[in-house]
Amino acid sequence: MPDPPAPTDAAPTTRVARRRARTRERLLEATRALIGEKGVSGLRISEITERADVALGSFYNHFEAKDDVVAAVVGEALQELAASVAGDDLPEPHDDAVVVCTAIRRFVDLAYDDGELARLLVNLSTSDAVFAAAVQPFARRAVARGVAAGRFSVATPEVTVVWITGGALAVMRAIVDGRDLGPEAGRELAEQSLLALGVPAEDVRRIVEAGDAGGRA
């Protein structure tokens, strides 16, 4: 199983660590490019290292197998999306109920709008772990902020985070697998999740309706 994506604010502190980080990023860049050109099935480790201009043995300093580097590429893409909608640098003031609603809808909509990434994710043998490692830290902080502000009322925030993120992945998987959940899937999951977080029903309706312009309704 690959290492989870590094925190976005992490930076190597030694020359060796910086060189290692640069090599890893070159391998990831090469993998992203090759997946775009030929998909995962035709991907070869030797091609990745050749495209990255690193020795074949360097690959195994970072990844155990092809599936691991693919999982890392997917995980970083998911982490970037999570940071963009639920990161710590959101403008103030902001409503974490809106943040959660937006994040859920954006992730579910990946199954419609970025089918390639969604298929890569759900077909990984470690899809649940990759999704959790990339998304749950942001979800956990958003829920904690909402609880601290009195916006959310939950007895066990961690259980709620696992339920919400697991639900988003399950809906994405169902859409990729061809189940007809309709264009309202993200909207409905967002509504149910906000209610589970203790947001009053009237507020939930207002938040979800406000998000319809950016959703699939």
C-alpha atoms as a PDB file:
ATOM      1  CA  MET A   1       0.000   0.000   0.000  1.00  0.00           C
ATOM      2  CA  PRO A   2       1.438   3.431  -0.895  1.00  0.00           C
ATOM      3  CA  ASP A   3       2.207   6.067   1.640  1.00  0.00           C
ATOM      4  CA  PRO A   4      -0.639   8.580   1.980  1.00  0.00           C
ATOM      5  CA  PRO A   5      -0.126  11.920   0.268  1.00  0.00           C
ATOM      6  CA  ALA A   6       2.154  14.195   2.241  1.00  0.00           C
ATOM      7  CA  PRO A   7       0.508  17.198   3.936  1.00  0.00           C
ATOM      8  CA  THR A   8       0.381  20.131   1.555  1.00  0.00           C
ATOM      9  CA  ASP A   9       2.507  22.277   3.875  1.00  0.00           C
ATOM     10  CA  ALA A  10       5.206  19.643   4.431  1.00  0.00           C
ATOM     11  CA  ALA A  11       8.653  20.505   3.062  1.00  0.00           C
ATOM     12  CA  PRO A  12      11.829  18.380   3.025  1.00  0.00           C
ATOM     13  CA  THR A  13      14.395  19.785   5.433  1.00  0.00           C
ATOM     14  CA  THR A  14      17.672  18.209   4.286  1.00  0.00           C
ATOM     15  CA  ARG A  15      19.494  18.046   0.961  1.00  0.00           C
ATOM     16  CA  VAL A  16      18.957  14.285   0.728  1.00  0.00           C
ATOM     17  CA  ALA A  17      15.269  14.662   1.560  1.00  0.00           C
ATOM     18  CA  ARG A  18      14.856  17.415  -1.034  1.00  0.00           C
ATOM     19  CA  ARG A  19      16.554  15.293  -3.700  1.00  0.00           C
ATOM     20  CA  ARG A  20      14.366  12.342  -2.788  1.00  0.00           C
ATOM     21  CA  ALA A  21      11.252  14.531  -2.975  1.00  0.00           C
ATOM     22  CA  ARG A  22      12.277  15.830  -6.415  1.00  0.00           C
ATOM     23  CA  THR A  23      12.769  12.279  -7.695  1.00  0.00           C
ATOM     24  CA  ARG A  24       9.376  11.223  -6.354  1.00  0.00           C
ATOM     25  CA  GLU A  25       7.692  14.210  -7.988  1.00  0.00           C
ATOM     26  CA  ARG A  26       9.357  13.419 -11.331  1.00  0.00           C
ATOM     27  CA  LEU A  27       8.043   9.865 -11.107  1.00  0.00           C
ATOM     28  CA  LEU A  28       4.562  11.163 -10.351  1.00  0.00           C
ATOM     29  CA  GLU A  29       4.683  13.688 -13.208  1.00  0.00           C
ATOM     30  CA  ALA A  30       5.803  10.956 -15.605  1.00  0.00           C
ATOM     31  CA  THR A  31       3.042   8.642 -14.407  1.00  0.00           C
ATOM     32  CA  ARG A  32       0.388  11.333 -14.831  1.00  0.00           C
ATOM     33  CA  ALA A  33       1.565  12.030 -18.382  1.00  0.00           C
ATOM     34  CA  LEU A  34       1.706   8.361 -19.370  1.00  0.00           C
ATOM     35  CA  ILE A  35      -1.724   7.615 -17.929  1.00  0.00           C
ATOM     36  CA  GLY A  36      -3.077  10.463 -20.031  1.00  0.00           C
ATOM     37  CA  GLU A  37      -1.414   9.040 -23.129  1.00  0.00           C
ATOM     38  CA  LYS A  38      -2.124   5.321 -22.793  1.00  0.00           C
ATOM     39  CA  GLY A  39      -4.145   4.618 -19.671  1.00  0.00           C
ATOM     40  CA  VAL A  40      -3.171   2.419 -16.757  1.00  0.00           C
ATOM     41  CA  SER A  41      -3.322  -0.967 -18.455  1.00  0.00           C
ATOM     42  CA  GLY A  42      -0.496  -0.064 -20.830  1.00  0.00           C
ATOM     43  CA  LEU A  43       1.635   1.584 -18.165  1.00  0.00           C
ATOM     44  CA  ARG A  44       5.104   0.125 -17.575  1.00  0.00           C
ATOM     45  CA  ILE A  45       7.516   0.969 -14.773  1.00  0.00           C
ATOM     46  CA  SER A  46      10.407   1.137 -17.227  1.00  0.00           C
ATOM     47  CA  GLU A  47       8.509   3.764 -19.229  1.00  0.00           C
ATOM     48  CA  ILE A  48       7.830   5.764 -16.092  1.00  0.00           C
ATOM     49  CA  THR A  49      11.496   5.881 -15.107  1.00  0.00           C
ATOM     50  CA  GLU A  50      12.569   6.636 -18.666  1.00  0.00           C
ATOM     51  CA  ARG A  51      10.092   9.515 -18.905  1.00  0.00           C
ATOM     52  CA  ALA A  52      11.191  10.768 -15.470  1.00  0.00           C
ATOM     53  CA  ASP A  53      14.869  10.380 -16.486  1.00  0.00           C
ATOM     54  CA  VAL A  54      15.757   8.433 -13.357  1.00  0.00           C
ATOM     55  CA  ALA A  55      17.298   5.000 -12.853  1.00  0.00           C
ATOM     56  CA  LEU A  56      14.928   2.035 -12.765  1.00  0.00           C
ATOM     57  CA  GLY A  57      16.050   1.213  -9.229  1.00  0.00           C
ATOM     58  CA  SER A  58      15.020   4.688  -8.061  1.00  0.00           C
ATOM     59  CA  PHE A  59      11.401   3.763  -8.631  1.00  0.00           C
ATOM     60  CA  TYR A  60      11.568   1.126  -5.909  1.00  0.00           C
ATOM     61  CA  ASN A  61      12.968   3.622  -3.427  1.00  0.00           C
ATOM     62  CA  HIS A  62       9.542   5.257  -3.523  1.00  0.00           C
ATOM     63  CA  PHE A  63       6.991   2.678  -4.681  1.00  0.00           C
ATOM     64  CA  GLU A  64       6.681  -1.089  -4.469  1.00  0.00           C
ATOM     65  CA  ALA A  65       4.725  -1.574  -7.677  1.00  0.00           C
ATOM     66  CA  LYS A  66       2.919   0.180 -10.526  1.00  0.00           C
ATOM     67  CA  ASP A  67      -0.350   0.211  -8.587  1.00  0.00           C
ATOM     68  CA  ASP A  68       1.332   2.172  -5.800  1.00  0.00           C
ATOM     69  CA  VAL A  69       2.458   5.038  -8.020  1.00  0.00           C
ATOM     70  CA  VAL A  70      -0.985   5.153  -9.647  1.00  0.00           C
ATOM     71  CA  ALA A  71      -2.544   5.305  -6.180  1.00  0.00           C
ATOM     72  CA  ALA A  72      -0.200   8.164  -5.264  1.00  0.00           C
ATOM     73  CA  VAL A  73      -1.195  10.107  -8.385  1.00  0.00           C
ATOM     74  CA  VAL A  74      -4.882   9.614  -7.604  1.00  0.00           C
ATOM     75  CA  GLY A  75      -4.380  10.488  -3.945  1.00  0.00           C
ATOM     76  CA  GLU A  76      -2.628  13.756  -4.736  1.00  0.00           C
ATOM     77  CA  ALA A  77      -5.391  14.769  -7.163  1.00  0.00           C
ATOM     78  CA  LEU A  78      -8.010  14.083  -4.497  1.00  0.00           C
ATOM     79  CA  GLN A  79      -6.013  15.951  -1.889  1.00  0.00           C
ATOM     80  CA  GLU A  80      -5.732  18.994  -4.148  1.00  0.00           C
ATOM     81  CA  LEU A  81      -9.498  19.022  -4.664  1.00  0.00           C
ATOM     82  CA  ALA A  82     -10.146  18.634  -0.935  1.00  0.00           C
ATOM     83  CA  ALA A  83      -7.748  21.485  -0.144  1.00  0.00           C
ATOM     84  CA  SER A  84      -9.407  23.739  -2.708  1.00  0.00           C
ATOM     85  CA  VAL A  85     -12.877  23.377  -1.189  1.00  0.00           C
ATOM     86  CA  ALA A  86     -12.189  22.628   2.481  1.00  0.00           C
ATOM     87  CA  GLY A  87      -8.666  23.799   3.254  1.00  0.00           C
ATOM     88  CA  ASP A  88      -7.565  25.948   6.168  1.00  0.00           C
ATOM     89  CA  ASP A  89      -7.071  29.053   4.015  1.00  0.00           C
ATOM     90  CA  LEU A  90     -10.768  29.625   3.308  1.00  0.00           C
ATOM     91  CA  PRO A  91     -11.827  33.291   3.459  1.00  0.00           C
ATOM     92  CA  GLU A  92     -13.304  34.472   6.715  1.00  0.00           C
ATOM     93  CA  PRO A  93     -16.011  34.480   7.751  1.00  0.00           C
ATOM     94  CA  HIS A  94     -17.204  31.220   6.214  1.00  0.00           C
ATOM     95  CA  ASP A  95     -19.858  28.671   7.068  1.00  0.00           C
ATOM     96  CA  ASP A  96     -18.496  25.138   7.450  1.00  0.00           C
ATOM     97  CA  ALA A  97     -21.934  23.770   6.613  1.00  0.00           C
ATOM     98  CA  VAL A  98     -21.506  25.341   3.171  1.00  0.00           C
ATOM     99  CA  VAL A  99     -17.953  23.953   2.999  1.00  0.00           C
ATOM    100  CA  VAL A 100     -19.158  20.412   3.712  1.00  0.00           C
ATOM    101  CA  CYS A 101     -22.018  20.708   1.229  1.00  0.00           C
ATOM    102  CA  THR A 102     -19.735  22.016  -1.511  1.00  0.00           C
ATOM    103  CA  ALA A 103     -17.084  19.374  -0.887  1.00  0.00           C
ATOM    104  CA  ILE A 104     -19.536  16.480  -1.025  1.00  0.00           C
ATOM    105  CA  ARG A 105     -21.088  17.688  -4.246  1.00  0.00           C
ATOM    106  CA  ARG A 106     -17.703  18.303  -5.868  1.00  0.00           C
ATOM    107  CA  PHE A 107     -16.454  14.813  -5.046  1.00  0.00           C
ATOM    108  CA  VAL A 108     -19.617  13.050  -6.174  1.00  0.00           C
ATOM    109  CA  ASP A 109     -19.590  15.102  -9.374  1.00  0.00           C
ATOM    110  CA  LEU A 110     -16.104  13.732 -10.167  1.00  0.00           C
ATOM    111  CA  ALA A 111     -17.860  10.545 -11.222  1.00  0.00           C
ATOM    112  CA  TYR A 112     -19.685  12.568 -13.894  1.00  0.00           C
ATOM    113  CA  ASP A 113     -17.185  15.306 -14.743  1.00  0.00           C
ATOM    114  CA  ASP A 114     -13.840  13.509 -14.444  1.00  0.00           C
ATOM    115  CA  GLY A 115     -14.700   9.912 -15.176  1.00  0.00           C
ATOM    116  CA  GLU A 116     -11.079   8.939 -15.778  1.00  0.00           C
ATOM    117  CA  LEU A 117      -9.962   9.993 -12.298  1.00  0.00           C
ATOM    118  CA  ALA A 118     -13.051   8.476 -10.688  1.00  0.00           C
ATOM    119  CA  ARG A 119     -12.484   5.153 -12.478  1.00  0.00           C
ATOM    120  CA  LEU A 120      -8.839   5.111 -11.451  1.00  0.00           C
ATOM    121  CA  LEU A 121      -9.896   5.664  -7.861  1.00  0.00           C
ATOM    122  CA  VAL A 122     -12.650   3.072  -7.574  1.00  0.00           C
ATOM    123  CA  ASN A 123     -10.609   0.424  -9.407  1.00  0.00           C
ATOM    124  CA  LEU A 124      -7.670   0.702  -7.017  1.00  0.00           C
ATOM    125  CA  SER A 125      -7.364  -2.255  -4.646  1.00  0.00           C
ATOM    126  CA  THR A 126      -6.677   0.333  -1.933  1.00  0.00           C
ATOM    127  CA  SER A 127      -9.355   2.833  -2.987  1.00  0.00           C
ATOM    128  CA  ASP A 128     -10.899   3.188   0.477  1.00  0.00           C
ATOM    129  CA  ALA A 129      -7.527   3.845   2.119  1.00  0.00           C
ATOM    130  CA  VAL A 130      -6.387   6.262  -0.604  1.00  0.00           C
ATOM    131  CA  PHE A 131      -9.629   8.237  -0.442  1.00  0.00           C
ATOM    132  CA  ALA A 132      -9.570   8.353   3.355  1.00  0.00           C
ATOM    133  CA  ALA A 133      -5.939   9.476   3.512  1.00  0.00           C
ATOM    134  CA  ALA A 134      -6.511  12.256   0.987  1.00  0.00           C
ATOM    135  CA  VAL A 135      -9.911  13.549   2.088  1.00  0.00           C
ATOM    136  CA  GLN A 136     -10.558  12.739   5.733  1.00  0.00           C
ATOM    137  CA  PRO A 137      -7.973  15.158   7.208  1.00  0.00           C
ATOM    138  CA  PHE A 138      -9.794  18.068   5.539  1.00  0.00           C
ATOM    139  CA  ALA A 139     -13.224  16.703   6.471  1.00  0.00           C
ATOM    140  CA  ARG A 140     -12.071  16.208  10.057  1.00  0.00           C
ATOM    141  CA  ARG A 141     -10.877  19.808  10.351  1.00  0.00           C
ATOM    142  CA  ALA A 142     -14.045  21.206   8.759  1.00  0.00           C
ATOM    143  CA  VAL A 143     -16.216  19.233  11.172  1.00  0.00           C
ATOM    144  CA  ALA A 144     -14.065  20.278  14.132  1.00  0.00           C
ATOM    145  CA  ARG A 145     -14.353  23.943  13.121  1.00  0.00           C
ATOM    146  CA  GLY A 146     -18.109  23.595  12.786  1.00  0.00           C
ATOM    147  CA  VAL A 147     -18.420  21.929  16.186  1.00  0.00           C
ATOM    148  CA  ALA A 148     -16.251  24.606  17.828  1.00  0.00           C
ATOM    149  CA  ALA A 149     -18.384  27.345  16.257  1.00  0.00           C
ATOM    150  CA  GLY A 150     -21.611  25.681  17.369  1.00  0.00           C
ATOM    151  CA  ARG A 151     -22.642  25.082  13.766  1.00  0.00           C
ATOM    152  CA  PHE A 152     -22.522  21.301  14.062  1.00  0.00           C
ATOM    153  CA  SER A 153     -23.850  19.172  16.888  1.00  0.00           C
ATOM    154  CA  VAL A 154     -22.553  15.604  16.838  1.00  0.00           C
ATOM    155  CA  ALA A 155     -21.726  13.259  19.702  1.00  0.00           C
ATOM    156  CA  THR A 156     -18.977  11.429  17.802  1.00  0.00           C
ATOM    157  CA  PRO A 157     -17.420  13.663  15.106  1.00  0.00           C
ATOM    158  CA  GLU A 158     -14.980  10.980  13.917  1.00  0.00           C
ATOM    159  CA  VAL A 159     -17.780   8.511  13.220  1.00  0.00           C
ATOM    160  CA  THR A 160     -19.592  11.218  11.266  1.00  0.00           C
ATOM    161  CA  VAL A 161     -16.470  12.026   9.226  1.00  0.00           C
ATOM    162  CA  VAL A 162     -16.008   8.343   8.348  1.00  0.00           C
ATOM    163  CA  TRP A 163     -19.688   8.013   7.442  1.00  0.00           C
ATOM    164  CA  ILE A 164     -19.745  11.108   5.226  1.00  0.00           C
ATOM    165  CA  THR A 165     -16.498  10.401   3.353  1.00  0.00           C
ATOM    166  CA  GLY A 166     -17.335   6.717   3.019  1.00  0.00           C
ATOM    167  CA  GLY A 167     -20.736   7.648   1.643  1.00  0.00           C
ATOM    168  CA  ALA A 168     -19.205   9.969  -0.941  1.00  0.00           C
ATOM    169  CA  LEU A 169     -16.870   7.230  -2.165  1.00  0.00           C
ATOM    170  CA  ALA A 170     -19.710   4.687  -2.263  1.00  0.00           C
ATOM    171  CA  VAL A 171     -21.845   7.015  -4.379  1.00  0.00           C
ATOM    172  CA  MET A 172     -18.915   7.722  -6.719  1.00  0.00           C
ATOM    173  CA  ARG A 173     -18.288   3.986  -7.101  1.00  0.00           C
ATOM    174  CA  ALA A 174     -21.939   3.300  -7.865  1.00  0.00           C
ATOM    175  CA  ILE A 175     -22.006   5.984 -10.572  1.00  0.00           C
ATOM    176  CA  VAL A 176     -18.788   4.699 -12.162  1.00  0.00           C
ATOM    177  CA  ASP A 177     -20.219   1.176 -12.093  1.00  0.00           C
ATOM    178  CA  GLY A 178     -23.154   2.400 -14.167  1.00  0.00           C
ATOM    179  CA  ARG A 179     -25.901   2.558 -11.547  1.00  0.00           C
ATOM    180  CA  ASP A 180     -28.469   5.209 -12.385  1.00  0.00           C
ATOM    181  CA  LEU A 181     -28.479   7.380  -9.273  1.00  0.00           C
ATOM    182  CA  GLY A 182     -29.644  10.407 -11.209  1.00  0.00           C
ATOM    183  CA  PRO A 183     -28.136  13.895 -11.331  1.00  0.00           C
ATOM    184  CA  GLU A 184     -29.262  14.671  -7.771  1.00  0.00           C
ATOM    185  CA  ALA A 185     -26.958  12.128  -6.085  1.00  0.00           C
ATOM    186  CA  GLY A 186     -24.465  14.679  -4.764  1.00  0.00           C
ATOM    187  CA  ARG A 187     -27.227  17.034  -3.662  1.00  0.00           C
ATOM    188  CA  GLU A 188     -29.045  14.301  -1.760  1.00  0.00           C
ATOM    189  CA  LEU A 189     -25.904  13.070  -0.028  1.00  0.00           C
ATOM    190  CA  ALA A 190     -24.976  16.619   0.959  1.00  0.00           C
ATOM    191  CA  GLU A 191     -28.449  17.180   2.424  1.00  0.00           C
ATOM    192  CA  GLN A 192     -28.358  13.941   4.432  1.00  0.00           C
ATOM    193  CA  SER A 193     -24.842  14.698   5.668  1.00  0.00           C
ATOM    194  CA  LEU A 194     -25.718  18.187   6.905  1.00  0.00           C
ATOM    195  CA  LEU A 195     -28.722  16.815   8.753  1.00  0.00           C
ATOM    196  CA  ALA A 196     -26.454  14.193  10.353  1.00  0.00           C
ATOM    197  CA  LEU A 197     -24.167  17.014  11.476  1.00  0.00           C
ATOM    198  CA  GLY A 198     -27.071  18.586  13.315  1.00  0.00           C
ATOM    199  CA  VAL A 199     -27.695  21.504  10.948  1.00  0.00           C
ATOM    200  CA  PRO A 200     -31.348  22.627  11.190  1.00  0.00           C
ATOM    201  CA  ALA A 201     -33.488  21.409   8.295  1.00  0.00           C
ATOM    202  CA  GLU A 202     -34.379  24.951   7.227  1.00  0.00           C
ATOM    203  CA  ASP A 203     -30.696  25.874   6.969  1.00  0.00           C
ATOM    204  CA  VAL A 204     -29.960  22.652   5.097  1.00  0.00           C
ATOM    205  CA  ARG A 205     -32.561  23.459   2.456  1.00  0.00           C
ATOM    206  CA  ARG A 206     -31.201  26.980   2.046  1.00  0.00           C
ATOM    207  CA  ILE A 207     -27.572  25.816   1.748  1.00  0.00           C
ATOM    208  CA  VAL A 208     -28.337  23.022  -0.689  1.00  0.00           C
ATOM    209  CA  GLU A 209     -30.547  25.239  -2.846  1.00  0.00           C
ATOM    210  CA  ALA A 210     -27.847  27.904  -2.925  1.00  0.00           C
ATOM    211  CA  GLY A 211     -25.435  25.286  -4.183  1.00  0.00           C
ATOM    212  CA  ASP A 212     -27.701  24.142  -6.998  1.00  0.00           C
ATOM    213  CA  ALA A 213     -26.213  26.688  -9.392  1.00  0.00           C
ATOM    214  CA  GLY A 214     -22.904  24.896  -9.104  1.00  0.00           C
ATOM    215  CA  GLY A 215     -24.329  21.398  -8.854  1.00  0.00           C
ATOM    216  CA  ARG A 216     -25.877  19.076 -11.429  1.00  0.00           C
ATOM    217  CA  ALA A 217     -29.515  19.925 -10.757  1.00  0.00           C
END
